[in-house]
Amino acid sequence: MLAAVLAAVIAGAIGTMLVEDRDDGFYVPVAKLEPAGQVMDVPSVVVRCGVNERRHLNPDNPVTAPGVRAAAHHMHEYVGNTSTDAMSTDATLSASTTTCERGDLSSYSWPVLRLTDGAGHDVHAEGGGADGNLGEVLPPDSVEVRYEGSPVGQVVPMPRFLRMMTGDAKAVTNGFGADTRARWGCSNIVGRFTTKYPLCDDGDRTLRVYEFPSCWDGANIDSASHRSHMVFPLGNGVCPVRTFAIPRLIVAVGYKIPHGRPFAIDTFPSELNHPATDHAGFINVMPEAEMREIATRLNAQQ
């Protein structure tokens, strides 16, 4: 309860001033964006899934809390599978429709971003104001779903119904550990990111880029931690021993944020809308033939 009250107080403070006037450590100018590290030239395949024109939103997390309504305590945005919620099963996902091309029924999700100086549609609802997430939900201006090959060899197709998370939704509570992978950037500055909210140039898109782990244990589509069946490659791009390289999933979400307007992502109440808690979820429901074709195309371009 105290965390929710604190979150509401902070959100209220955000709504009283322009972002340029704030000094809470959450926002940084574009000059402080940092290089993402070594950039490897790898083949890629883009799957067009729209920008959630249907406004598919809910406070569920079907990857880490299946069967539990409103378990996220913040609102998630979805592209791809149009039925995804807490009650989703392999069967219901397979029987659904999708916003993606190629018959890709996969579910791609991330927390919503809000303009925090006005009232939202869900001010009294779970995931929204009831959990300290206040303000108008800003729809994405762009969403790119991209599958990349391995920089050091071949990839095997993802198994159907593979579930993955990237980023740490409780990064503050967990002391900003190794699972923290938030990457915020600006569309006119390539390859430079921050774990904070960037103050992009007027007219530029604010980017959130999610890179998922791409080394699979070869046996499991999920695990008790929802992480241990998948790991990231080593620094040289090679997967650890006893894991197999699969297509690397990258989801990039862009927003046109009105200049000077304060903004923040939804979080658990304990995380106080911190930008480093940004995260994304994925359930692979792409037809097996399509996934094999993507893997074949990525391998052929090596």
C-alpha atoms as a PDB file:
ATOM      1  CA  MET A   1       0.000   0.000   0.000  1.00  0.00           C
ATOM      2  CA  LEU A   2       2.804   2.434   0.903  1.00  0.00           C
ATOM      3  CA  ALA A   3       4.563   1.764  -2.398  1.00  0.00           C
ATOM      4  CA  ALA A   4       1.379   2.536  -4.310  1.00  0.00           C
ATOM      5  CA  VAL A   5       0.948   5.811  -2.414  1.00  0.00           C
ATOM      6  CA  LEU A   6       4.568   6.801  -3.118  1.00  0.00           C
ATOM      7  CA  ALA A   7       4.131   5.955  -6.774  1.00  0.00           C
ATOM      8  CA  ALA A   8       1.035   8.148  -6.960  1.00  0.00           C
ATOM      9  CA  VAL A   9       2.881  11.032  -5.290  1.00  0.00           C
ATOM     10  CA  ILE A  10       5.787  10.741  -7.731  1.00  0.00           C
ATOM     11  CA  ALA A  11       3.446  10.483 -10.705  1.00  0.00           C
ATOM     12  CA  GLY A  12       1.644  13.577  -9.464  1.00  0.00           C
ATOM     13  CA  ALA A  13       4.936  15.444  -9.238  1.00  0.00           C
ATOM     14  CA  ILE A  14       5.776  14.397 -12.796  1.00  0.00           C
ATOM     15  CA  GLY A  15       2.543  15.958 -13.957  1.00  0.00           C
ATOM     16  CA  THR A  16       3.280  19.389 -12.450  1.00  0.00           C
ATOM     17  CA  MET A  17       6.324  20.385 -14.519  1.00  0.00           C
ATOM     18  CA  LEU A  18       7.980  19.961 -17.887  1.00  0.00           C
ATOM     19  CA  VAL A  19      10.680  17.305 -18.089  1.00  0.00           C
ATOM     20  CA  GLU A  20      13.394  19.936 -18.664  1.00  0.00           C
ATOM     21  CA  ASP A  21      12.657  21.335 -15.193  1.00  0.00           C
ATOM     22  CA  ARG A  22      13.078  18.018 -13.379  1.00  0.00           C
ATOM     23  CA  ASP A  23      16.197  16.716 -11.670  1.00  0.00           C
ATOM     24  CA  ASP A  24      15.240  13.291 -10.336  1.00  0.00           C
ATOM     25  CA  GLY A  25      17.815  11.293 -12.290  1.00  0.00           C
ATOM     26  CA  PHE A  26      15.214   9.601 -14.488  1.00  0.00           C
ATOM     27  CA  TYR A  27      15.732  11.758 -17.605  1.00  0.00           C
ATOM     28  CA  VAL A  28      18.943  12.381 -19.571  1.00  0.00           C
ATOM     29  CA  PRO A  29      19.784  14.605 -22.564  1.00  0.00           C
ATOM     30  CA  VAL A  30      20.668  12.964 -25.869  1.00  0.00           C
ATOM     31  CA  ALA A  31      24.342  13.899 -25.338  1.00  0.00           C
ATOM     32  CA  LYS A  32      24.511  11.282 -22.570  1.00  0.00           C
ATOM     33  CA  LEU A  33      23.387   8.339 -24.691  1.00  0.00           C
ATOM     34  CA  GLU A  34      26.117   5.683 -24.690  1.00  0.00           C
ATOM     35  CA  PRO A  35      27.273   3.201 -27.368  1.00  0.00           C
ATOM     36  CA  ALA A  36      25.530  -0.166 -27.070  1.00  0.00           C
ATOM     37  CA  GLY A  37      28.820  -2.048 -27.487  1.00  0.00           C
ATOM     38  CA  GLN A  38      30.112  -4.062 -30.405  1.00  0.00           C
ATOM     39  CA  VAL A  39      27.782  -3.929 -33.402  1.00  0.00           C
ATOM     40  CA  MET A  40      27.818  -7.164 -35.407  1.00  0.00           C
ATOM     41  CA  ASP A  41      26.677  -7.319 -39.004  1.00  0.00           C
ATOM     42  CA  VAL A  42      24.189 -10.180 -39.176  1.00  0.00           C
ATOM     43  CA  PRO A  43      21.344 -11.125 -41.537  1.00  0.00           C
ATOM     44  CA  SER A  44      17.813 -10.332 -40.404  1.00  0.00           C
ATOM     45  CA  VAL A  45      14.161 -10.905 -41.247  1.00  0.00           C
ATOM     46  CA  VAL A  46      11.450  -8.390 -40.281  1.00  0.00           C
ATOM     47  CA  VAL A  47       7.888  -9.503 -39.466  1.00  0.00           C
ATOM     48  CA  ARG A  48       5.335  -6.694 -39.728  1.00  0.00           C
ATOM     49  CA  CYS A  49       2.830  -6.767 -36.841  1.00  0.00           C
ATOM     50  CA  GLY A  50       1.362  -3.241 -36.798  1.00  0.00           C
ATOM     51  CA  VAL A  51       1.419  -0.822 -33.868  1.00  0.00           C
ATOM     52  CA  ASN A  52      -1.422  -2.256 -31.778  1.00  0.00           C
ATOM     53  CA  GLU A  53      -4.084  -0.323 -33.630  1.00  0.00           C
ATOM     54  CA  ARG A  54      -6.714  -2.442 -31.836  1.00  0.00           C
ATOM     55  CA  ARG A  55      -5.371  -1.191 -28.479  1.00  0.00           C
ATOM     56  CA  HIS A  56      -4.902  -4.637 -26.990  1.00  0.00           C
ATOM     57  CA  LEU A  57      -3.979  -3.816 -23.383  1.00  0.00           C
ATOM     58  CA  ASN A  58      -4.209  -5.675 -20.068  1.00  0.00           C
ATOM     59  CA  PRO A  59      -2.390  -5.905 -16.701  1.00  0.00           C
ATOM     60  CA  ASP A  60      -1.635  -9.627 -17.129  1.00  0.00           C
ATOM     61  CA  ASN A  61       1.660 -11.429 -17.666  1.00  0.00           C
ATOM     62  CA  PRO A  62       0.982 -14.735 -19.423  1.00  0.00           C
ATOM     63  CA  VAL A  63       4.704 -15.621 -19.481  1.00  0.00           C
ATOM     64  CA  THR A  64       5.632 -15.264 -15.800  1.00  0.00           C
ATOM     65  CA  ALA A  65       2.188 -15.484 -14.173  1.00  0.00           C
ATOM     66  CA  PRO A  66      -0.097 -17.635 -16.349  1.00  0.00           C
ATOM     67  CA  GLY A  67      -3.602 -18.040 -14.953  1.00  0.00           C
ATOM     68  CA  VAL A  68      -3.366 -15.021 -12.623  1.00  0.00           C
ATOM     69  CA  ARG A  69      -5.410 -11.967 -13.576  1.00  0.00           C
ATOM     70  CA  ALA A  70      -3.735  -8.536 -13.184  1.00  0.00           C
ATOM     71  CA  ALA A  71      -0.542 -10.147 -11.857  1.00  0.00           C
ATOM     72  CA  ALA A  72       1.662  -7.497 -13.493  1.00  0.00           C
ATOM     73  CA  HIS A  73       0.156  -4.599 -11.500  1.00  0.00           C
ATOM     74  CA  HIS A  74       0.904  -2.486 -14.589  1.00  0.00           C
ATOM     75  CA  MET A  75      -0.531  -2.320 -18.096  1.00  0.00           C
ATOM     76  CA  HIS A  76       1.000  -4.282 -20.978  1.00  0.00           C
ATOM     77  CA  GLU A  77       0.710  -3.499 -24.684  1.00  0.00           C
ATOM     78  CA  TYR A  78       0.549  -6.301 -27.270  1.00  0.00           C
ATOM     79  CA  VAL A  79       1.100  -6.900 -30.950  1.00  0.00           C
ATOM     80  CA  GLY A  80       0.634 -10.211 -32.699  1.00  0.00           C
ATOM     81  CA  ASN A  81      -1.789 -12.637 -31.078  1.00  0.00           C
ATOM     82  CA  THR A  82      -5.091 -10.836 -30.443  1.00  0.00           C
ATOM     83  CA  SER A  83      -6.269 -13.091 -27.586  1.00  0.00           C
ATOM     84  CA  THR A  84      -3.267 -12.939 -25.241  1.00  0.00           C
ATOM     85  CA  ASP A  85      -4.137 -12.575 -21.571  1.00  0.00           C
ATOM     86  CA  ALA A  86      -3.558 -14.332 -18.267  1.00  0.00           C
ATOM     87  CA  MET A  87      -5.741 -17.275 -19.261  1.00  0.00           C
ATOM     88  CA  SER A  88      -3.961 -17.963 -22.552  1.00  0.00           C
ATOM     89  CA  THR A  89      -2.932 -21.535 -23.291  1.00  0.00           C
ATOM     90  CA  ASP A  90      -1.145 -23.072 -26.251  1.00  0.00           C
ATOM     91  CA  ALA A  91      -4.558 -24.112 -27.586  1.00  0.00           C
ATOM     92  CA  THR A  92      -6.221 -20.691 -27.259  1.00  0.00           C
ATOM     93  CA  LEU A  93      -3.223 -18.915 -28.757  1.00  0.00           C
ATOM     94  CA  SER A  94      -3.210 -21.339 -31.697  1.00  0.00           C
ATOM     95  CA  ALA A  95      -6.921 -20.745 -32.337  1.00  0.00           C
ATOM     96  CA  SER A  96      -6.653 -16.945 -32.290  1.00  0.00           C
ATOM     97  CA  THR A  97      -6.114 -14.287 -34.933  1.00  0.00           C
ATOM     98  CA  THR A  98      -3.065 -12.061 -35.252  1.00  0.00           C
ATOM     99  CA  THR A  99      -1.956  -8.584 -36.273  1.00  0.00           C
ATOM    100  CA  CYS A 100       1.252 -10.031 -37.786  1.00  0.00           C
ATOM    101  CA  GLU A 101       1.979 -11.136 -41.321  1.00  0.00           C
ATOM    102  CA  ARG A 102       3.174 -14.683 -42.202  1.00  0.00           C
ATOM    103  CA  GLY A 103       0.381 -16.106 -40.045  1.00  0.00           C
ATOM    104  CA  ASP A 104       2.554 -15.352 -37.030  1.00  0.00           C
ATOM    105  CA  LEU A 105       0.330 -15.930 -34.000  1.00  0.00           C
ATOM    106  CA  SER A 106       3.126 -15.080 -31.571  1.00  0.00           C
ATOM    107  CA  SER A 107       2.555 -12.717 -28.655  1.00  0.00           C
ATOM    108  CA  TYR A 108       4.900  -9.736 -28.255  1.00  0.00           C
ATOM    109  CA  SER A 109       4.343  -7.478 -25.221  1.00  0.00           C
ATOM    110  CA  TRP A 110       5.867  -4.651 -23.153  1.00  0.00           C
ATOM    111  CA  PRO A 111       4.652  -2.097 -20.557  1.00  0.00           C
ATOM    112  CA  VAL A 112       2.699   0.888 -21.834  1.00  0.00           C
ATOM    113  CA  LEU A 113       4.213   4.377 -21.868  1.00  0.00           C
ATOM    114  CA  ARG A 114       2.167   7.262 -20.471  1.00  0.00           C
ATOM    115  CA  LEU A 115       2.133  11.035 -20.674  1.00  0.00           C
ATOM    116  CA  THR A 116       1.975  11.722 -16.959  1.00  0.00           C
ATOM    117  CA  ASP A 117       0.619  15.282 -16.910  1.00  0.00           C
ATOM    118  CA  GLY A 118      -2.984  14.326 -17.625  1.00  0.00           C
ATOM    119  CA  ALA A 119      -5.702  11.878 -16.660  1.00  0.00           C
ATOM    120  CA  GLY A 120      -5.744   8.376 -18.077  1.00  0.00           C
ATOM    121  CA  HIS A 121      -8.681   6.213 -19.075  1.00  0.00           C
ATOM    122  CA  ASP A 122      -7.852   3.719 -16.286  1.00  0.00           C
ATOM    123  CA  VAL A 123      -7.323   6.026 -13.334  1.00  0.00           C
ATOM    124  CA  HIS A 124      -9.290   3.702 -11.019  1.00  0.00           C
ATOM    125  CA  ALA A 125      -8.467   0.376 -12.681  1.00  0.00           C
ATOM    126  CA  GLU A 126      -6.048  -2.440 -11.844  1.00  0.00           C
ATOM    127  CA  GLY A 127      -2.760  -1.933 -13.621  1.00  0.00           C
ATOM    128  CA  GLY A 128      -3.542   1.760 -13.970  1.00  0.00           C
ATOM    129  CA  GLY A 129      -4.275   4.269 -11.247  1.00  0.00           C
ATOM    130  CA  ALA A 130      -5.129   1.598  -8.700  1.00  0.00           C
ATOM    131  CA  ASP A 131      -1.493   0.446  -8.931  1.00  0.00           C
ATOM    132  CA  GLY A 132       0.062   3.908  -9.093  1.00  0.00           C
ATOM    133  CA  ASN A 133       0.324   4.128 -12.895  1.00  0.00           C
ATOM    134  CA  LEU A 134      -1.252   7.456 -13.791  1.00  0.00           C
ATOM    135  CA  GLY A 135      -1.607   9.346 -17.046  1.00  0.00           C
ATOM    136  CA  GLU A 136      -2.646   9.017 -20.664  1.00  0.00           C
ATOM    137  CA  VAL A 137      -1.401   5.892 -22.444  1.00  0.00           C
ATOM    138  CA  LEU A 138       0.569   6.975 -25.531  1.00  0.00           C
ATOM    139  CA  PRO A 139       0.206   4.545 -28.458  1.00  0.00           C
ATOM    140  CA  PRO A 140       3.385   3.550 -30.303  1.00  0.00           C
ATOM    141  CA  ASP A 141       4.211   5.341 -33.528  1.00  0.00           C
ATOM    142  CA  SER A 142       6.288   2.403 -34.799  1.00  0.00           C
ATOM    143  CA  VAL A 143       6.928  -1.240 -33.900  1.00  0.00           C
ATOM    144  CA  GLU A 144       9.589  -3.391 -35.563  1.00  0.00           C
ATOM    145  CA  VAL A 145       9.784  -7.127 -34.897  1.00  0.00           C
ATOM    146  CA  ARG A 146      13.086  -8.452 -36.229  1.00  0.00           C
ATOM    147  CA  TYR A 147      14.750 -11.878 -36.169  1.00  0.00           C
ATOM    148  CA  GLU A 148      18.528 -11.917 -36.558  1.00  0.00           C
ATOM    149  CA  GLY A 149      21.024 -14.633 -37.373  1.00  0.00           C
ATOM    150  CA  SER A 150      24.063 -15.588 -35.339  1.00  0.00           C
ATOM    151  CA  PRO A 151      27.298 -13.679 -36.027  1.00  0.00           C
ATOM    152  CA  VAL A 152      29.356 -16.856 -35.596  1.00  0.00           C
ATOM    153  CA  GLY A 153      27.381 -19.703 -37.167  1.00  0.00           C
ATOM    154  CA  GLN A 154      24.035 -21.279 -37.934  1.00  0.00           C
ATOM    155  CA  VAL A 155      20.776 -21.036 -35.999  1.00  0.00           C
ATOM    156  CA  VAL A 156      18.138 -23.676 -35.328  1.00  0.00           C
ATOM    157  CA  PRO A 157      14.428 -22.804 -35.468  1.00  0.00           C
ATOM    158  CA  MET A 158      12.745 -21.706 -32.250  1.00  0.00           C
ATOM    159  CA  PRO A 159      10.473 -24.413 -30.830  1.00  0.00           C
ATOM    160  CA  ARG A 160       6.791 -23.538 -31.013  1.00  0.00           C
ATOM    161  CA  PHE A 161       5.337 -22.190 -27.745  1.00  0.00           C
ATOM    162  CA  LEU A 162       8.763 -21.108 -26.486  1.00  0.00           C
ATOM    163  CA  ARG A 163       8.309 -18.446 -23.810  1.00  0.00           C
ATOM    164  CA  MET A 164      10.874 -15.751 -23.061  1.00  0.00           C
ATOM    165  CA  MET A 165      11.369 -12.577 -21.046  1.00  0.00           C
ATOM    166  CA  THR A 166      13.978  -9.860 -21.369  1.00  0.00           C
ATOM    167  CA  GLY A 167      14.703  -7.110 -18.862  1.00  0.00           C
ATOM    168  CA  ASP A 168      13.871  -7.008 -15.168  1.00  0.00           C
ATOM    169  CA  ALA A 169      10.457  -5.635 -14.189  1.00  0.00           C
ATOM    170  CA  LYS A 170      11.775  -5.386 -10.595  1.00  0.00           C
ATOM    171  CA  ALA A 171      15.186  -3.906 -11.370  1.00  0.00           C
ATOM    172  CA  VAL A 172      14.947  -1.362  -8.527  1.00  0.00           C
ATOM    173  CA  THR A 173      14.061  -3.978  -5.922  1.00  0.00           C
ATOM    174  CA  ASN A 174      16.740  -6.316  -7.304  1.00  0.00           C
ATOM    175  CA  GLY A 175      19.485  -3.701  -7.202  1.00  0.00           C
ATOM    176  CA  PHE A 176      19.823  -3.272 -10.977  1.00  0.00           C
ATOM    177  CA  GLY A 177      21.386  -6.706 -11.462  1.00  0.00           C
ATOM    178  CA  ALA A 178      22.349  -8.676 -14.549  1.00  0.00           C
ATOM    179  CA  ASP A 179      18.748  -9.074 -15.753  1.00  0.00           C
ATOM    180  CA  THR A 180      18.402  -5.290 -16.169  1.00  0.00           C
ATOM    181  CA  ARG A 181      18.496  -4.746 -19.935  1.00  0.00           C
ATOM    182  CA  ALA A 182      16.494  -1.590 -20.559  1.00  0.00           C
ATOM    183  CA  ARG A 183      17.643   0.230 -23.702  1.00  0.00           C
ATOM    184  CA  TRP A 184      16.202   3.679 -24.411  1.00  0.00           C
ATOM    185  CA  GLY A 185      17.318   5.735 -27.396  1.00  0.00           C
ATOM    186  CA  CYS A 186      16.394   8.256 -30.081  1.00  0.00           C
ATOM    187  CA  SER A 187      15.699   7.390 -33.703  1.00  0.00           C
ATOM    188  CA  ASN A 188      18.143   9.943 -35.096  1.00  0.00           C
ATOM    189  CA  ILE A 189      21.083   8.636 -33.015  1.00  0.00           C
ATOM    190  CA  VAL A 190      21.985   5.134 -34.171  1.00  0.00           C
ATOM    191  CA  GLY A 191      23.512   2.616 -31.773  1.00  0.00           C
ATOM    192  CA  ARG A 192      23.512   4.772 -28.621  1.00  0.00           C
ATOM    193  CA  PHE A 193      21.264   4.041 -25.636  1.00  0.00           C
ATOM    194  CA  THR A 194      20.614   4.654 -21.952  1.00  0.00           C
ATOM    195  CA  THR A 195      18.761   2.930 -19.113  1.00  0.00           C
ATOM    196  CA  LYS A 196      17.008   6.247 -18.404  1.00  0.00           C
ATOM    197  CA  TYR A 197      14.364   8.270 -20.227  1.00  0.00           C
ATOM    198  CA  PRO A 198      16.104  10.125 -23.089  1.00  0.00           C
ATOM    199  CA  LEU A 199      15.071  13.673 -23.947  1.00  0.00           C
ATOM    200  CA  CYS A 200      15.096  13.256 -27.722  1.00  0.00           C
ATOM    201  CA  ASP A 201      15.140  16.185 -30.111  1.00  0.00           C
ATOM    202  CA  ASP A 202      11.799  17.729 -31.005  1.00  0.00           C
ATOM    203  CA  GLY A 203      10.174  15.644 -33.750  1.00  0.00           C
ATOM    204  CA  ASP A 204      12.458  12.641 -33.158  1.00  0.00           C
ATOM    205  CA  ARG A 205      11.065   9.297 -32.004  1.00  0.00           C
ATOM    206  CA  THR A 206      11.863   7.962 -28.549  1.00  0.00           C
ATOM    207  CA  LEU A 207      12.890   4.307 -28.848  1.00  0.00           C
ATOM    208  CA  ARG A 208      12.645   1.294 -26.573  1.00  0.00           C
ATOM    209  CA  VAL A 209      14.703  -1.637 -27.873  1.00  0.00           C
ATOM    210  CA  TYR A 210      14.275  -5.156 -26.481  1.00  0.00           C
ATOM    211  CA  GLU A 211      16.847  -7.847 -27.223  1.00  0.00           C
ATOM    212  CA  PHE A 212      15.802 -11.349 -26.172  1.00  0.00           C
ATOM    213  CA  PRO A 213      18.196 -14.167 -25.207  1.00  0.00           C
ATOM    214  CA  SER A 214      19.081 -16.339 -28.200  1.00  0.00           C
ATOM    215  CA  CYS A 215      20.758 -19.441 -26.724  1.00  0.00           C
ATOM    216  CA  TRP A 216      18.265 -22.239 -25.995  1.00  0.00           C
ATOM    217  CA  ASP A 217      18.864 -25.269 -23.767  1.00  0.00           C
ATOM    218  CA  GLY A 218      17.538 -27.539 -26.522  1.00  0.00           C
ATOM    219  CA  ALA A 219      14.832 -29.165 -24.396  1.00  0.00           C
ATOM    220  CA  ASN A 220      12.471 -26.773 -22.610  1.00  0.00           C
ATOM    221  CA  ILE A 221      10.016 -24.148 -23.820  1.00  0.00           C
ATOM    222  CA  ASP A 222       9.788 -22.650 -20.313  1.00  0.00           C
ATOM    223  CA  SER A 223      11.392 -23.021 -16.883  1.00  0.00           C
ATOM    224  CA  ALA A 224      10.506 -22.371 -13.253  1.00  0.00           C
ATOM    225  CA  SER A 225      12.296 -19.014 -13.349  1.00  0.00           C
ATOM    226  CA  HIS A 226      11.009 -18.310 -16.891  1.00  0.00           C
ATOM    227  CA  ARG A 227      14.655 -17.534 -17.710  1.00  0.00           C
ATOM    228  CA  SER A 228      16.993 -20.469 -17.128  1.00  0.00           C
ATOM    229  CA  HIS A 229      16.007 -22.319 -20.340  1.00  0.00           C
ATOM    230  CA  MET A 230      17.309 -19.318 -22.329  1.00  0.00           C
ATOM    231  CA  VAL A 231      20.575 -17.402 -21.979  1.00  0.00           C
ATOM    232  CA  PHE A 232      22.356 -14.645 -23.863  1.00  0.00           C
ATOM    233  CA  PRO A 233      25.396 -15.355 -26.044  1.00  0.00           C
ATOM    234  CA  LEU A 234      28.874 -14.750 -24.691  1.00  0.00           C
ATOM    235  CA  GLY A 235      30.693 -11.545 -25.594  1.00  0.00           C
ATOM    236  CA  ASN A 236      32.029 -13.028 -28.819  1.00  0.00           C
ATOM    237  CA  GLY A 237      28.539 -14.033 -29.960  1.00  0.00           C
ATOM    238  CA  VAL A 238      29.033 -17.743 -29.228  1.00  0.00           C
ATOM    239  CA  CYS A 239      26.361 -19.593 -27.255  1.00  0.00           C
ATOM    240  CA  PRO A 240      27.517 -21.278 -24.014  1.00  0.00           C
ATOM    241  CA  VAL A 241      28.216 -25.019 -23.961  1.00  0.00           C
ATOM    242  CA  ARG A 242      25.084 -27.207 -24.145  1.00  0.00           C
ATOM    243  CA  THR A 243      22.953 -24.437 -25.644  1.00  0.00           C
ATOM    244  CA  PHE A 244      21.886 -23.859 -29.232  1.00  0.00           C
ATOM    245  CA  ALA A 245      21.674 -20.600 -31.179  1.00  0.00           C
ATOM    246  CA  ILE A 246      18.158 -19.685 -32.288  1.00  0.00           C
ATOM    247  CA  PRO A 247      17.092 -16.581 -34.243  1.00  0.00           C
ATOM    248  CA  ARG A 248      17.708 -13.552 -32.031  1.00  0.00           C
ATOM    249  CA  LEU A 249      14.493 -11.608 -31.470  1.00  0.00           C
ATOM    250  CA  ILE A 250      14.713  -7.808 -31.398  1.00  0.00           C
ATOM    251  CA  VAL A 251      11.614  -5.663 -30.832  1.00  0.00           C
ATOM    252  CA  ALA A 252      11.977  -1.894 -31.274  1.00  0.00           C
ATOM    253  CA  VAL A 253       9.092   0.381 -30.238  1.00  0.00           C
ATOM    254  CA  GLY A 254       9.049   4.079 -31.154  1.00  0.00           C
ATOM    255  CA  TYR A 255       6.968   6.990 -29.806  1.00  0.00           C
ATOM    256  CA  LYS A 256       6.422  10.560 -30.867  1.00  0.00           C
ATOM    257  CA  ILE A 257       6.407  12.266 -27.475  1.00  0.00           C
ATOM    258  CA  PRO A 258       5.213  15.901 -27.514  1.00  0.00           C
ATOM    259  CA  HIS A 259       8.154  18.169 -26.723  1.00  0.00           C
ATOM    260  CA  GLY A 260       8.466  18.969 -23.026  1.00  0.00           C
ATOM    261  CA  ARG A 261       5.726  16.577 -21.916  1.00  0.00           C
ATOM    262  CA  PRO A 262       6.690  14.297 -18.992  1.00  0.00           C
ATOM    263  CA  PHE A 263       6.411  10.566 -19.645  1.00  0.00           C
ATOM    264  CA  ALA A 264       7.013   7.268 -17.864  1.00  0.00           C
ATOM    265  CA  ILE A 265       6.408   3.557 -18.303  1.00  0.00           C
ATOM    266  CA  ASP A 266       4.091   1.486 -16.163  1.00  0.00           C
ATOM    267  CA  THR A 267       5.752  -0.548 -13.418  1.00  0.00           C
ATOM    268  CA  PHE A 268       5.008  -2.557 -10.320  1.00  0.00           C
ATOM    269  CA  PRO A 269       4.166  -0.112  -7.482  1.00  0.00           C
ATOM    270  CA  SER A 270       7.488  -0.894  -5.764  1.00  0.00           C
ATOM    271  CA  GLU A 271       9.484   0.194  -8.844  1.00  0.00           C
ATOM    272  CA  LEU A 272       8.165   3.778  -8.926  1.00  0.00           C
ATOM    273  CA  ASN A 273       8.050   4.011 -12.752  1.00  0.00           C
ATOM    274  CA  HIS A 274      11.818   3.696 -13.034  1.00  0.00           C
ATOM    275  CA  PRO A 275      12.971   3.502 -16.699  1.00  0.00           C
ATOM    276  CA  ALA A 276      15.491   0.727 -15.947  1.00  0.00           C
ATOM    277  CA  THR A 277      12.623  -1.673 -15.207  1.00  0.00           C
ATOM    278  CA  ASP A 278      11.629  -1.779 -18.881  1.00  0.00           C
ATOM    279  CA  HIS A 279      11.050  -5.341 -20.082  1.00  0.00           C
ATOM    280  CA  ALA A 280       9.232  -7.399 -22.698  1.00  0.00           C
ATOM    281  CA  GLY A 281       7.626 -10.807 -23.063  1.00  0.00           C
ATOM    282  CA  PHE A 282       7.300 -13.236 -25.967  1.00  0.00           C
ATOM    283  CA  ILE A 283       5.441 -16.469 -26.739  1.00  0.00           C
ATOM    284  CA  ASN A 284       6.381 -18.109 -30.039  1.00  0.00           C
ATOM    285  CA  VAL A 285       3.256 -19.220 -31.874  1.00  0.00           C
ATOM    286  CA  MET A 286       4.659 -18.809 -35.372  1.00  0.00           C
ATOM    287  CA  PRO A 287       3.760 -21.749 -37.642  1.00  0.00           C
ATOM    288  CA  GLU A 288       6.628 -24.210 -37.598  1.00  0.00           C
ATOM    289  CA  ALA A 289       7.053 -24.021 -41.378  1.00  0.00           C
ATOM    290  CA  GLU A 290       7.425 -20.227 -41.199  1.00  0.00           C
ATOM    291  CA  MET A 291       9.953 -20.443 -38.364  1.00  0.00           C
ATOM    292  CA  ARG A 292      11.970 -23.000 -40.354  1.00  0.00           C
ATOM    293  CA  GLU A 293      11.905 -20.687 -43.361  1.00  0.00           C
ATOM    294  CA  ILE A 294      13.190 -17.766 -41.255  1.00  0.00           C
ATOM    295  CA  ALA A 295      16.024 -19.899 -39.885  1.00  0.00           C
ATOM    296  CA  THR A 296      16.880 -21.087 -43.395  1.00  0.00           C
ATOM    297  CA  ARG A 297      16.958 -17.523 -44.735  1.00  0.00           C
ATOM    298  CA  LEU A 298      19.176 -16.337 -41.871  1.00  0.00           C
ATOM    299  CA  ASN A 299      21.576 -19.246 -42.363  1.00  0.00           C
ATOM    300  CA  ALA A 300      21.709 -18.797 -46.139  1.00  0.00           C
ATOM    301  CA  GLN A 301      22.912 -15.217 -45.746  1.00  0.00           C
ATOM    302  CA  GLN A 302      25.896 -16.174 -43.585  1.00  0.00           C
END
